Amino acid sequence: MKLVLFLFLGGAVAFGAMKVLAPSQGLLSSGGGPVIAAEATTPVVEEPLPITVAESGYLKAKNSLNLQPKFERRGTITWLVKEGKTVETDEVLVEFDKTELQTQIDDIQNELVQYRTELESARAEFEIQKRESAATVEKAEFALDVARKKLELYEKGEGPNEERKKRLASEKAHSEHERAKERFDKVPELRAQGFLTKIQEEEERIALREKEIEVENSDKDLELWLTYTRPMELAERNNAVKDGQRELANAREKAEIGLKEKETRTQRSEGRVKTTEARVAKLEKELAYMTIKAPRAGIVYYGDPSEPWMHDEVKIGANLGRGNTVVSLPDLKEMQVMIQVHEADIDLVKLEQKVVVTLEAVKGKTFEGKVSRIGAVADSNWGNPENKTFTVEITLLPIEVELRSGTTARAEVQVETLESALQVPIHAVFSEGAEHFAFVVNGDAYEKRAVKLGKNNNHRVQATEGLKKGERVLLYDPREAGLGNEKKDAGSSSAAAEALGATPSAATPPAAPTSGSKP
């Protein structure tokens, strides 16, 4: 905080106090003139001066479990656990409106029932198709095998056998014809000798003729079989084999096409079922996410302790989504204070520096801590972009007092301690332009004296020049109080008397050095 602020406010407070004290303390001398009350002055002392950087902030747990919605959509809070309640693991903390999502799940589940029925039908048809295709192929393979065996049977068995029979019949006919002809050639001689009758002679002639016809028939039969019957039979059986091969190829191709069609339908049904099941599972997961449970035991805090401005946004009816912390479970065993330090003071703050913390919620107690982190990037206030600050994190030392996240805290970073510093309260120093001065008491009068300042804290400031140990200075601007006995010349009482009743204009506090720095 700027020293000018302390100087300005300090002067105002002292002036107000002086106006209250004036009637009761009797700021008039025994001779009727105004005097300076001792209560309105303070001595210039030389003693240790702690240099601090003090800022207000808020308290938070160092380790806080922030619980945010995991569902992808936004949701409306319908039930909320009471803030500050101690909860156990798996205890319900927040409920979001599930009506729309539950309706969507029910509709998709109805679709899923239909898709599963279609899948069962597709699988059954696929199995039937596999059996029918296998049977058709087996039948075609069997028919081809039979045709091949019939061809082989004719080529190696029936055909040669039939040819042998035909040739044997022809040879037999020729042989019998030769014997018949030999008998008939002897007929005339036997007829002449009287061994044969005319009728027997005719019978022998007819028998010879019969054998001649049998020879002609057997020869012709063999010729026809060799020329027509055997080639036709072979061609027919070869064609049967080719037909069997074509039927088998067709059966296999049809079986493959049929199986692919049924398999594709089955896969399509399976894909639809899986997709729908995944949708249901995802939505059911979303539905489960709409109930936030405590992952561990702890005390409930609304919102993120590091974003106190969002605290009041967490309530029944609030519409929240991912990225919004609904509740947090801070670990109160280790607490931190978060403050914003002005860019002019940030170089004074170092890691591990001791910090004294006071809390609005715990009156009359102070807590010790250390600087544990200093922000590397300045933050700008949206209302005043020129006001650049850095986030400083202070970790409190272990304590037995139970603290609550989000409470207001004030931290004083202990920058250093000046072992021997001539010093006065901040509101005993005033500014005009770039100069600082104090009103030094001299008897019943005062002397406006220029001073040079050194380092300061929120309450006191070091005077490096202009003041001496043991001198007393006013805690207010006497000109504001109407006390005009300023001593113009230390040796002239008339000059002081002439100054009585004078009312100079109020000094305007100028910009002054920051805490801990020299002017």
Protein backbone atom coordinates (compact mmCIF):
# COMPACT_ATOMS: atom_id res chain seq x y z
CA MET A 1 0.00 0.00 0.00
CA LYS A 2 1.26 3.44 -0.82
CA LEU A 3 2.66 5.57 2.00
CA VAL A 4 0.59 8.51 0.75
CA LEU A 5 -2.55 6.64 1.63
CA PHE A 6 -1.35 6.12 5.19
CA LEU A 7 -0.26 9.76 5.44
CA PHE A 8 -3.56 11.05 4.14
CA LEU A 9 -5.76 8.75 6.20
CA GLY A 10 -3.52 9.10 9.25
CA GLY A 11 -3.80 12.88 9.17
CA ALA A 12 -7.54 12.72 8.78
CA VAL A 13 -7.92 10.28 11.67
CA ALA A 14 -5.65 12.37 13.91
CA PHE A 15 -7.50 15.52 13.00
CA GLY A 16 -10.81 13.91 13.85
CA ALA A 17 -9.40 12.71 17.12
CA MET A 18 -8.08 16.16 17.90
CA LYS A 19 -11.43 17.80 17.30
CA VAL A 20 -12.99 15.36 19.74
CA LEU A 21 -10.23 15.87 22.29
CA ALA A 22 -10.21 19.65 22.08
CA PRO A 23 -13.19 20.41 24.34
CA SER A 24 -12.41 17.70 26.90
CA GLN A 25 -8.66 18.26 27.13
CA GLY A 26 -8.89 22.05 27.30
CA LEU A 27 -6.63 23.15 24.50
CA LEU A 28 -6.27 26.59 26.05
CA SER A 29 -3.38 27.79 28.11
CA SER A 30 -3.80 29.31 31.59
CA GLY A 31 -3.53 32.67 29.93
CA GLY A 32 -6.48 31.90 27.64
CA GLY A 33 -4.45 30.96 24.55
CA PRO A 34 -4.55 27.55 22.82
CA VAL A 35 -2.12 24.89 24.01
CA ILE A 36 -1.12 21.47 22.66
CA ALA A 37 -2.46 18.44 24.56
CA ALA A 38 0.10 15.74 25.34
CA GLU A 39 -2.33 13.05 24.08
CA ALA A 40 -2.13 14.60 20.59
CA THR A 41 1.64 14.15 20.37
CA THR A 42 4.00 11.23 20.15
CA PRO A 43 7.72 10.95 20.84
CA VAL A 44 10.35 10.29 18.22
CA VAL A 45 11.81 6.94 19.27
CA GLU A 46 14.77 4.84 18.17
CA GLU A 47 13.95 1.17 18.28
CA PRO A 48 13.61 -1.87 15.97
CA LEU A 49 11.28 -1.27 13.00
CA PRO A 50 9.78 -4.29 11.28
CA ILE A 51 9.31 -3.70 7.53
CA THR A 52 6.25 -5.48 6.16
CA VAL A 53 4.07 -5.77 3.08
CA ALA A 54 0.47 -6.05 4.21
CA GLU A 55 -2.46 -7.03 2.02
CA SER A 56 -5.92 -8.49 2.50
CA GLY A 57 -6.91 -11.74 0.84
CA TYR A 58 -8.79 -14.92 1.57
CA LEU A 59 -8.15 -18.23 3.25
CA LYS A 60 -8.17 -21.51 1.34
CA ALA A 61 -7.08 -25.06 1.82
CA LYS A 62 -3.74 -25.87 0.24
CA ASN A 63 -5.14 -29.14 -1.01
CA SER A 64 -8.76 -28.79 -2.04
CA LEU A 65 -10.67 -31.41 -3.99
CA ASN A 66 -12.75 -29.44 -6.48
CA LEU A 67 -15.76 -31.31 -7.87
CA GLN A 68 -16.99 -30.28 -11.30
CA PRO A 69 -19.70 -31.74 -13.53
CA LYS A 70 -18.33 -34.43 -15.83
CA PHE A 71 -21.33 -34.53 -18.17
CA GLU A 72 -20.93 -32.87 -21.57
CA ARG A 73 -24.11 -30.82 -21.47
CA ARG A 74 -25.14 -28.17 -18.99
CA GLY A 75 -27.34 -29.10 -16.07
CA THR A 76 -29.67 -27.46 -13.58
CA ILE A 77 -29.09 -28.11 -9.89
CA THR A 78 -32.19 -29.64 -8.26
CA TRP A 79 -30.70 -30.55 -4.89
CA LEU A 80 -27.64 -29.31 -3.02
CA VAL A 81 -26.03 -30.43 0.22
CA LYS A 82 -25.85 -27.81 2.93
CA GLU A 83 -22.61 -25.85 2.93
CA GLY A 84 -20.35 -26.51 5.90
CA LYS A 85 -21.73 -30.01 6.42
CA THR A 86 -19.25 -32.78 7.18
CA VAL A 87 -19.86 -35.57 4.68
CA GLU A 88 -18.63 -39.13 4.37
CA THR A 89 -17.27 -40.96 1.33
CA ASP A 90 -19.93 -41.63 -1.37
CA GLU A 91 -22.43 -39.29 0.26
CA VAL A 92 -24.54 -37.40 -2.30
CA LEU A 93 -23.51 -33.75 -2.63
CA VAL A 94 -25.32 -32.45 -5.71
CA GLU A 95 -28.21 -33.60 -7.89
CA PHE A 96 -28.81 -32.20 -11.38
CA ASP A 97 -32.08 -32.38 -13.33
CA LYS A 98 -32.21 -35.79 -15.05
CA THR A 99 -35.66 -35.63 -16.67
CA GLU A 100 -34.64 -34.84 -20.24
CA LEU A 101 -31.71 -37.23 -20.20
CA GLN A 102 -33.76 -40.07 -18.70
CA THR A 103 -36.41 -39.64 -21.42
CA GLN A 104 -33.71 -39.78 -24.07
CA ILE A 105 -32.30 -42.96 -22.54
CA ASP A 106 -35.74 -44.60 -22.45
CA ASP A 107 -36.36 -43.81 -26.14
CA ILE A 108 -33.00 -45.19 -27.20
CA GLN A 109 -33.46 -48.31 -25.08
CA ASN A 110 -36.74 -48.99 -26.90
CA GLU A 111 -34.86 -48.72 -30.18
CA LEU A 112 -32.23 -51.05 -28.78
CA VAL A 113 -34.84 -53.75 -28.06
CA GLN A 114 -35.96 -53.62 -31.70
CA TYR A 115 -32.37 -53.68 -32.98
CA ARG A 116 -31.54 -56.70 -30.82
CA THR A 117 -34.58 -58.57 -32.18
CA GLU A 118 -33.46 -57.78 -35.72
CA LEU A 119 -29.98 -58.98 -34.85
CA GLU A 120 -31.28 -62.31 -33.53
CA SER A 121 -33.28 -62.75 -36.75
CA ALA A 122 -30.26 -61.87 -38.89
CA ARG A 123 -28.05 -64.30 -37.00
CA ALA A 124 -30.62 -67.10 -37.36
CA GLU A 125 -30.95 -66.46 -41.09
CA PHE A 126 -27.18 -66.41 -41.39
CA GLU A 127 -26.91 -69.82 -39.74
CA ILE A 128 -29.69 -71.19 -41.96
CA GLN A 129 -27.96 -69.80 -45.01
CA LYS A 130 -24.70 -71.47 -43.97
CA ARG A 131 -26.42 -74.84 -43.66
CA GLU A 132 -28.34 -74.44 -46.92
CA SER A 133 -25.26 -73.27 -48.78
CA ALA A 134 -23.23 -76.18 -47.45
CA ALA A 135 -26.00 -78.63 -48.42
CA THR A 136 -26.29 -77.17 -51.93
CA VAL A 137 -22.54 -77.37 -52.47
CA GLU A 138 -22.39 -80.89 -51.08
CA LYS A 139 -25.23 -81.95 -53.39
CA ALA A 140 -23.46 -80.46 -56.41
CA GLU A 141 -20.19 -82.10 -55.39
CA PHE A 142 -21.98 -85.43 -55.04
CA ALA A 143 -23.64 -85.08 -58.45
CA LEU A 144 -20.30 -84.25 -60.06
CA ASP A 145 -18.65 -87.18 -58.36
CA VAL A 146 -21.41 -89.50 -59.62
CA ALA A 147 -21.07 -88.16 -63.17
CA ARG A 148 -17.31 -88.66 -63.08
CA LYS A 149 -17.69 -92.20 -61.79
CA LYS A 150 -20.29 -93.01 -64.45
CA LEU A 151 -17.92 -91.73 -67.11
CA GLU A 152 -15.07 -93.71 -65.64
CA LEU A 153 -17.34 -96.75 -65.34
CA TYR A 154 -18.26 -96.59 -68.97
CA GLU A 155 -14.73 -95.84 -70.17
CA LYS A 156 -13.11 -98.59 -68.13
CA GLY A 157 -15.91 -101.07 -67.60
CA GLU A 158 -19.21 -100.98 -69.39
CA GLY A 159 -17.86 -99.75 -72.72
CA PRO A 160 -15.06 -102.31 -73.10
CA ASN A 161 -17.35 -105.08 -71.85
CA GLU A 162 -20.01 -104.17 -74.38
CA GLU A 163 -17.40 -104.07 -77.15
CA ARG A 164 -16.10 -107.48 -76.19
CA LYS A 165 -19.63 -108.86 -76.22
CA LYS A 166 -20.29 -107.40 -79.65
CA ARG A 167 -17.04 -108.75 -81.04
CA LEU A 168 -17.64 -112.16 -79.45
CA ALA A 169 -21.11 -112.27 -80.94
CA SER A 170 -19.68 -111.43 -84.35
CA GLU A 171 -16.96 -114.07 -84.06
CA LYS A 172 -19.51 -116.66 -82.93
CA ALA A 173 -21.78 -115.80 -85.84
CA HIS A 174 -18.91 -116.16 -88.31
CA SER A 175 -17.84 -119.47 -86.76
CA GLU A 176 -21.34 -120.92 -86.87
CA HIS A 177 -21.75 -119.66 -90.41
CA GLU A 178 -18.55 -121.54 -91.42
CA ARG A 179 -19.80 -124.78 -89.85
CA ALA A 180 -23.20 -124.37 -91.43
CA LYS A 181 -21.60 -123.76 -94.79
CA GLU A 182 -19.38 -126.89 -94.40
CA ARG A 183 -22.44 -129.01 -93.58
CA PHE A 184 -24.37 -127.55 -96.46
CA ASP A 185 -21.47 -128.27 -98.85
CA LYS A 186 -21.76 -132.00 -97.92
CA VAL A 187 -25.52 -132.07 -98.45
CA PRO A 188 -25.42 -132.95 -102.17
CA GLU A 189 -23.12 -135.92 -101.56
CA LEU A 190 -25.15 -137.13 -98.61
CA ARG A 191 -28.31 -136.59 -100.59
CA ALA A 192 -26.87 -138.67 -103.42
CA GLN A 193 -25.92 -141.48 -101.01
CA GLY A 194 -29.40 -141.42 -99.57
CA PHE A 195 -28.47 -140.23 -96.13
CA LEU A 196 -30.52 -137.05 -96.38
CA THR A 197 -33.97 -136.44 -97.60
CA LYS A 198 -35.00 -133.49 -99.67
CA ILE A 199 -36.59 -131.90 -96.65
CA GLN A 200 -33.39 -132.28 -94.68
CA GLU A 201 -31.53 -130.74 -97.57
CA GLU A 202 -33.87 -127.72 -97.45
CA GLU A 203 -33.43 -127.44 -93.71
CA GLU A 204 -29.67 -127.32 -94.11
CA ARG A 205 -30.01 -124.58 -96.70
CA ILE A 206 -32.25 -122.53 -94.42
CA ALA A 207 -29.86 -123.07 -91.51
CA LEU A 208 -27.01 -121.76 -93.61
CA ARG A 209 -29.07 -118.75 -94.57
CA GLU A 210 -29.84 -118.06 -90.93
CA LYS A 211 -26.15 -118.11 -90.07
CA GLU A 212 -25.41 -115.74 -92.93
CA ILE A 213 -28.01 -113.31 -91.57
CA GLU A 214 -26.61 -113.71 -88.04
CA VAL A 215 -23.15 -112.81 -89.36
CA GLU A 216 -24.51 -109.74 -91.09
CA ASN A 217 -26.44 -108.68 -87.98
CA SER A 218 -23.53 -109.18 -85.56
CA ASP A 219 -21.15 -107.34 -87.82
CA LYS A 220 -23.62 -104.50 -88.26
CA ASP A 221 -24.37 -104.39 -84.55
CA LEU A 222 -20.64 -104.09 -83.78
CA GLU A 223 -20.23 -101.42 -86.44
CA LEU A 224 -23.18 -99.35 -85.12
CA TRP A 225 -21.96 -99.64 -81.54
CA LEU A 226 -18.46 -98.55 -82.45
CA THR A 227 -19.65 -95.76 -84.74
CA TYR A 228 -22.59 -94.32 -82.80
CA THR A 229 -23.50 -95.92 -79.51
CA ARG A 230 -20.12 -95.77 -77.77
CA PRO A 231 -19.27 -92.15 -78.87
CA MET A 232 -22.76 -90.96 -77.91
CA GLU A 233 -22.56 -92.62 -74.51
CA LEU A 234 -19.12 -91.15 -73.85
CA ALA A 235 -20.24 -87.68 -74.97
CA GLU A 236 -23.34 -87.87 -72.78
CA ARG A 237 -21.37 -88.90 -69.73
CA ASN A 238 -18.67 -86.28 -70.39
CA ASN A 239 -21.40 -83.65 -70.66
CA ALA A 240 -22.82 -84.89 -67.39
CA VAL A 241 -19.43 -84.31 -65.79
CA LYS A 242 -19.21 -80.81 -67.26
CA ASP A 243 -22.75 -80.06 -66.11
CA GLY A 244 -21.78 -81.25 -62.65
CA GLN A 245 -18.75 -78.99 -62.66
CA ARG A 246 -20.87 -76.00 -63.69
CA GLU A 247 -23.51 -76.82 -61.09
CA LEU A 248 -20.83 -77.09 -58.42
CA ALA A 249 -19.27 -73.76 -59.40
CA ASN A 250 -22.70 -72.11 -59.43
CA ALA A 251 -23.60 -73.66 -56.10
CA ARG A 252 -20.38 -72.43 -54.52
CA GLU A 253 -20.78 -68.92 -55.92
CA LYS A 254 -24.42 -68.71 -54.91
CA ALA A 255 -23.50 -70.00 -51.46
CA GLU A 256 -20.78 -67.37 -51.12
CA ILE A 257 -23.08 -64.57 -52.26
CA GLY A 258 -25.88 -65.75 -50.00
CA LEU A 259 -23.54 -66.01 -47.03
CA LYS A 260 -22.10 -62.57 -47.69
CA GLU A 261 -25.58 -61.07 -47.89
CA LYS A 262 -26.66 -62.68 -44.63
CA GLU A 263 -23.33 -61.90 -42.99
CA THR A 264 -23.54 -58.26 -44.09
CA ARG A 265 -27.03 -57.98 -42.71
CA THR A 266 -25.88 -59.57 -39.46
CA GLN A 267 -22.87 -57.27 -39.20
CA ARG A 268 -25.05 -54.26 -39.95
CA SER A 269 -27.43 -55.31 -37.19
CA GLU A 270 -24.54 -55.96 -34.82
CA GLY A 271 -23.08 -52.54 -35.59
CA ARG A 272 -26.42 -50.86 -35.00
CA VAL A 273 -26.83 -52.69 -31.70
CA LYS A 274 -23.27 -51.85 -30.58
CA THR A 275 -23.67 -48.21 -31.56
CA THR A 276 -26.97 -47.96 -29.73
CA GLU A 277 -25.56 -49.78 -26.69
CA ALA A 278 -22.64 -47.35 -26.68
CA ARG A 279 -25.07 -44.43 -26.84
CA VAL A 280 -27.08 -45.85 -23.96
CA ALA A 281 -23.90 -46.53 -21.95
CA LYS A 282 -22.65 -42.99 -22.60
CA LEU A 283 -25.97 -41.44 -21.63
CA GLU A 284 -26.23 -43.66 -18.54
CA LYS A 285 -22.73 -42.52 -17.63
CA GLU A 286 -23.87 -38.95 -18.15
CA LEU A 287 -26.89 -39.72 -15.97
CA ALA A 288 -24.63 -41.06 -13.23
CA TYR A 289 -22.48 -37.93 -13.51
CA MET A 290 -25.57 -35.85 -12.73
CA THR A 291 -25.27 -37.09 -9.18
CA ILE A 292 -22.05 -35.86 -7.61
CA LYS A 293 -20.88 -37.89 -4.64
CA ALA A 294 -18.11 -37.25 -2.18
CA PRO A 295 -14.94 -39.13 -3.22
CA ARG A 296 -13.69 -38.76 0.32
CA ALA A 297 -14.83 -37.41 3.65
CA GLY A 298 -14.63 -33.68 4.28
CA ILE A 299 -16.43 -30.38 4.85
CA VAL A 300 -18.51 -29.03 1.97
CA TYR A 301 -17.67 -25.64 0.47
CA TYR A 302 -19.67 -24.13 -2.41
CA GLY A 303 -17.62 -23.37 -5.51
CA ASP A 304 -13.85 -23.06 -5.79
CA PRO A 305 -12.16 -21.38 -2.80
CA SER A 306 -9.76 -19.71 -5.22
CA GLU A 307 -12.73 -18.09 -7.00
CA PRO A 308 -14.76 -16.61 -4.12
CA TRP A 309 -16.73 -14.42 -6.52
CA MET A 310 -18.38 -17.59 -7.87
CA HIS A 311 -19.49 -18.77 -4.44
CA ASP A 312 -23.00 -17.31 -4.62
CA GLU A 313 -23.54 -18.73 -8.12
CA VAL A 314 -23.80 -22.24 -6.66
CA LYS A 315 -27.43 -22.71 -5.68
CA ILE A 316 -30.53 -24.71 -6.55
CA GLY A 317 -31.66 -23.73 -10.04
CA ALA A 318 -28.18 -22.73 -11.20
CA ASN A 319 -27.26 -23.93 -14.68
CA LEU A 320 -23.69 -25.24 -14.66
CA GLY A 321 -21.46 -27.35 -16.86
CA ARG A 322 -17.92 -28.56 -17.28
CA GLY A 323 -15.32 -26.24 -15.86
CA ASN A 324 -17.64 -24.95 -13.14
CA THR A 325 -16.67 -26.08 -9.65
CA VAL A 326 -19.91 -26.91 -7.85
CA VAL A 327 -18.53 -27.93 -4.48
CA SER A 328 -15.10 -28.52 -3.03
CA LEU A 329 -13.83 -30.60 -0.15
CA PRO A 330 -10.90 -28.69 1.31
CA ASP A 331 -8.28 -30.43 3.40
CA LEU A 332 -8.35 -28.16 6.44
CA LYS A 333 -5.19 -29.66 7.88
CA GLU A 334 -3.06 -27.40 5.68
CA MET A 335 -4.33 -23.91 4.91
CA GLN A 336 -3.14 -21.07 2.71
CA VAL A 337 -3.79 -17.36 2.34
CA MET A 338 -4.00 -15.89 -1.15
CA ILE A 339 -3.19 -12.17 -1.52
CA GLN A 340 -2.57 -9.74 -4.37
CA VAL A 341 0.61 -7.66 -3.99
CA HIS A 342 1.06 -4.43 -5.93
CA GLU A 343 3.77 -4.45 -8.57
CA ALA A 344 5.63 -1.72 -6.67
CA ASP A 345 5.99 -4.02 -3.65
CA ILE A 346 6.44 -7.42 -5.28
CA ASP A 347 10.26 -7.23 -5.29
CA LEU A 348 10.16 -7.05 -1.49
CA VAL A 349 8.41 -10.40 -1.25
CA LYS A 350 10.62 -13.51 -1.27
CA LEU A 351 9.97 -17.21 -0.89
CA GLU A 352 10.09 -18.58 2.67
CA GLN A 353 9.58 -15.13 4.22
CA LYS A 354 7.72 -15.19 7.50
CA VAL A 355 4.13 -13.94 7.42
CA VAL A 356 1.79 -12.92 10.24
CA VAL A 357 -1.87 -13.58 9.42
CA THR A 358 -5.04 -12.35 11.09
CA LEU A 359 -8.52 -13.62 10.25
CA GLU A 360 -11.85 -11.83 10.42
CA ALA A 361 -13.47 -15.04 11.62
CA VAL A 362 -10.98 -15.57 14.47
CA LYS A 363 -10.74 -12.38 16.49
CA GLY A 364 -7.76 -11.73 18.73
CA LYS A 365 -5.50 -14.44 17.28
CA THR A 366 -2.61 -14.32 14.87
CA PHE A 367 -1.23 -17.15 12.79
CA GLU A 368 2.20 -17.71 11.33
CA GLY A 369 2.98 -18.74 7.80
CA LYS A 370 5.55 -18.59 5.03
CA VAL A 371 5.52 -17.32 1.46
CA SER A 372 5.26 -20.51 -0.60
CA ARG A 373 4.66 -19.19 -4.12
CA ILE A 374 4.94 -15.88 -5.98
CA GLY A 375 3.09 -15.37 -9.24
CA ALA A 376 5.29 -14.88 -12.29
CA VAL A 377 2.74 -12.90 -14.31
CA ALA A 378 0.94 -9.74 -13.19
CA ASP A 379 -2.84 -9.62 -13.04
CA SER A 380 -4.79 -6.55 -14.17
CA ASN A 381 -7.91 -5.34 -12.43
CA TRP A 382 -10.65 -5.07 -15.06
CA GLY A 383 -11.97 -1.92 -13.35
CA ASN A 384 -8.48 -0.39 -13.18
CA PRO A 385 -6.16 -1.97 -15.77
CA GLU A 386 -3.29 0.23 -14.62
CA ASN A 387 -3.33 -1.44 -11.21
CA LYS A 388 -1.03 -4.44 -11.70
CA THR A 389 -0.77 -7.02 -8.93
CA PHE A 390 0.87 -10.40 -8.42
CA THR A 391 -0.68 -13.39 -6.70
CA VAL A 392 1.23 -14.45 -3.59
CA GLU A 393 0.52 -17.74 -1.86
CA ILE A 394 1.15 -18.06 1.87
CA THR A 395 1.10 -21.43 3.61
CA LEU A 396 0.14 -21.37 7.28
CA LEU A 397 2.11 -23.38 9.81
CA PRO A 398 0.20 -26.33 11.34
CA ILE A 399 -2.42 -25.18 13.84
CA GLU A 400 -5.06 -26.82 15.99
CA VAL A 401 -7.77 -24.24 15.35
CA GLU A 402 -10.33 -25.33 12.76
CA LEU A 403 -10.46 -22.75 9.96
CA ARG A 404 -12.85 -22.36 7.05
CA SER A 405 -12.02 -21.74 3.42
CA GLY A 406 -13.08 -18.45 1.89
CA THR A 407 -12.86 -16.34 5.05
CA THR A 408 -11.23 -12.91 4.86
CA ALA A 409 -7.58 -12.79 5.91
CA ARG A 410 -4.96 -10.09 6.29
CA ALA A 411 -1.33 -11.01 5.81
CA GLU A 412 1.76 -9.07 6.80
CA VAL A 413 4.84 -10.35 5.02
CA GLN A 414 7.86 -9.79 7.28
CA VAL A 415 10.32 -8.31 4.79
CA GLU A 416 13.04 -7.31 7.29
CA THR A 417 13.59 -5.63 10.66
CA LEU A 418 15.66 -2.46 11.06
CA GLU A 419 17.43 -3.08 14.37
CA SER A 420 17.73 0.63 15.26
CA ALA A 421 15.55 3.09 13.41
CA LEU A 422 14.50 6.62 14.34
CA GLN A 423 10.77 6.44 13.73
CA VAL A 424 7.33 7.98 14.19
CA PRO A 425 3.79 6.89 13.35
CA ILE A 426 2.92 7.22 9.68
CA HIS A 427 0.10 9.68 10.39
CA ALA A 428 2.58 12.05 12.12
CA VAL A 429 4.19 12.77 8.73
CA PHE A 430 2.57 14.98 6.08
CA SER A 431 3.37 15.81 2.47
CA GLU A 432 3.38 18.85 0.26
CA GLY A 433 4.34 18.06 -3.28
CA ALA A 434 7.42 15.84 -3.19
CA GLU A 435 8.46 16.98 0.30
CA HIS A 436 7.59 15.41 3.65
CA PHE A 437 7.42 17.25 6.96
CA ALA A 438 6.33 16.85 10.57
CA PHE A 439 5.07 19.29 13.20
CA VAL A 440 7.61 19.23 16.04
CA VAL A 441 6.38 20.44 19.44
CA ASN A 442 8.37 23.35 20.90
CA GLY A 443 6.86 24.33 24.23
CA ASP A 444 3.32 25.53 23.58
CA ALA A 445 4.07 26.01 19.91
CA TYR A 446 4.97 23.77 17.01
CA GLU A 447 7.56 23.88 14.31
CA LYS A 448 6.94 22.66 10.74
CA ARG A 449 10.09 20.76 9.90
CA ALA A 450 11.13 19.00 6.68
CA VAL A 451 12.06 15.34 7.13
CA LYS A 452 13.53 12.63 4.96
CA LEU A 453 11.93 9.22 5.22
CA GLY A 454 13.36 5.74 5.03
CA LYS A 455 11.52 2.45 5.10
CA ASN A 456 8.10 1.93 6.60
CA ASN A 457 5.45 -0.58 7.47
CA ASN A 458 1.70 -0.12 7.72
CA HIS A 459 1.97 1.81 10.98
CA ARG A 460 5.35 3.50 11.37
CA VAL A 461 7.95 5.14 9.15
CA GLN A 462 11.70 5.66 9.51
CA ALA A 463 12.94 9.29 9.70
CA THR A 464 16.48 9.43 8.35
CA GLU A 465 16.86 13.23 8.61
CA GLY A 466 15.01 16.12 10.28
CA LEU A 467 14.03 14.58 13.62
CA LYS A 468 15.87 13.75 16.83
CA LYS A 469 15.27 11.06 19.37
CA GLY A 470 13.06 12.28 22.23
CA GLU A 471 11.42 15.09 20.29
CA ARG A 472 7.64 15.05 20.19
CA VAL A 473 5.62 15.50 17.04
CA LEU A 474 1.96 16.22 16.47
CA LEU A 475 -0.31 13.39 15.37
CA TYR A 476 -2.36 15.81 13.30
CA ASP A 477 -2.02 18.86 11.11
CA PRO A 478 -2.59 21.75 13.53
CA ARG A 479 -3.59 24.02 10.69
CA GLU A 480 -6.61 21.81 10.06
CA ALA A 481 -7.53 22.06 13.76
CA GLY A 482 -7.32 25.87 13.80
CA LEU A 483 -4.29 25.89 16.12
CA GLY A 484 -2.22 28.72 14.67
CA ASN A 485 0.67 29.02 17.14
CA GLU A 486 3.28 27.90 14.63
CA LYS A 487 6.73 29.02 15.73
CA LYS A 488 8.23 30.99 12.89
CA ASP A 489 11.40 31.78 14.82
CA ALA A 490 12.58 29.72 17.74
CA GLY A 491 13.80 32.82 19.66
CA SER A 492 10.81 35.13 19.02
CA SER A 493 7.77 34.71 21.23
CA SER A 494 6.10 37.63 19.45
CA ALA A 495 6.29 35.75 16.14
CA ALA A 496 4.57 32.78 17.77
CA ALA A 497 1.98 35.06 19.30
CA GLU A 498 1.29 36.69 15.96
CA ALA A 499 0.76 33.24 14.46
CA LEU A 500 -2.00 32.37 16.94
CA GLY A 501 -5.32 32.10 15.26
CA ALA A 502 -3.81 31.75 11.76
CA THR A 503 -5.36 29.04 9.62
CA PRO A 504 -3.09 27.92 6.78
CA SER A 505 -4.44 25.82 3.90
CA ALA A 506 -4.38 22.06 4.29
CA ALA A 507 -1.44 20.23 2.85
CA THR A 508 -2.15 17.96 -0.09
CA PRO A 509 -0.61 14.51 0.47
CA PRO A 510 1.62 13.67 -2.51
CA ALA A 511 2.67 10.31 -3.84
CA ALA A 512 5.10 8.72 -1.43
CA PRO A 513 7.41 5.72 -1.36
CA THR A 514 5.93 2.27 -1.05
CA SER A 515 6.21 0.10 2.01
CA GLY A 516 9.76 -0.79 2.81
CA SER A 517 11.29 1.57 0.23
CA LYS A 518 13.12 4.88 0.56
CA PRO A 519 11.57 8.16 -0.65
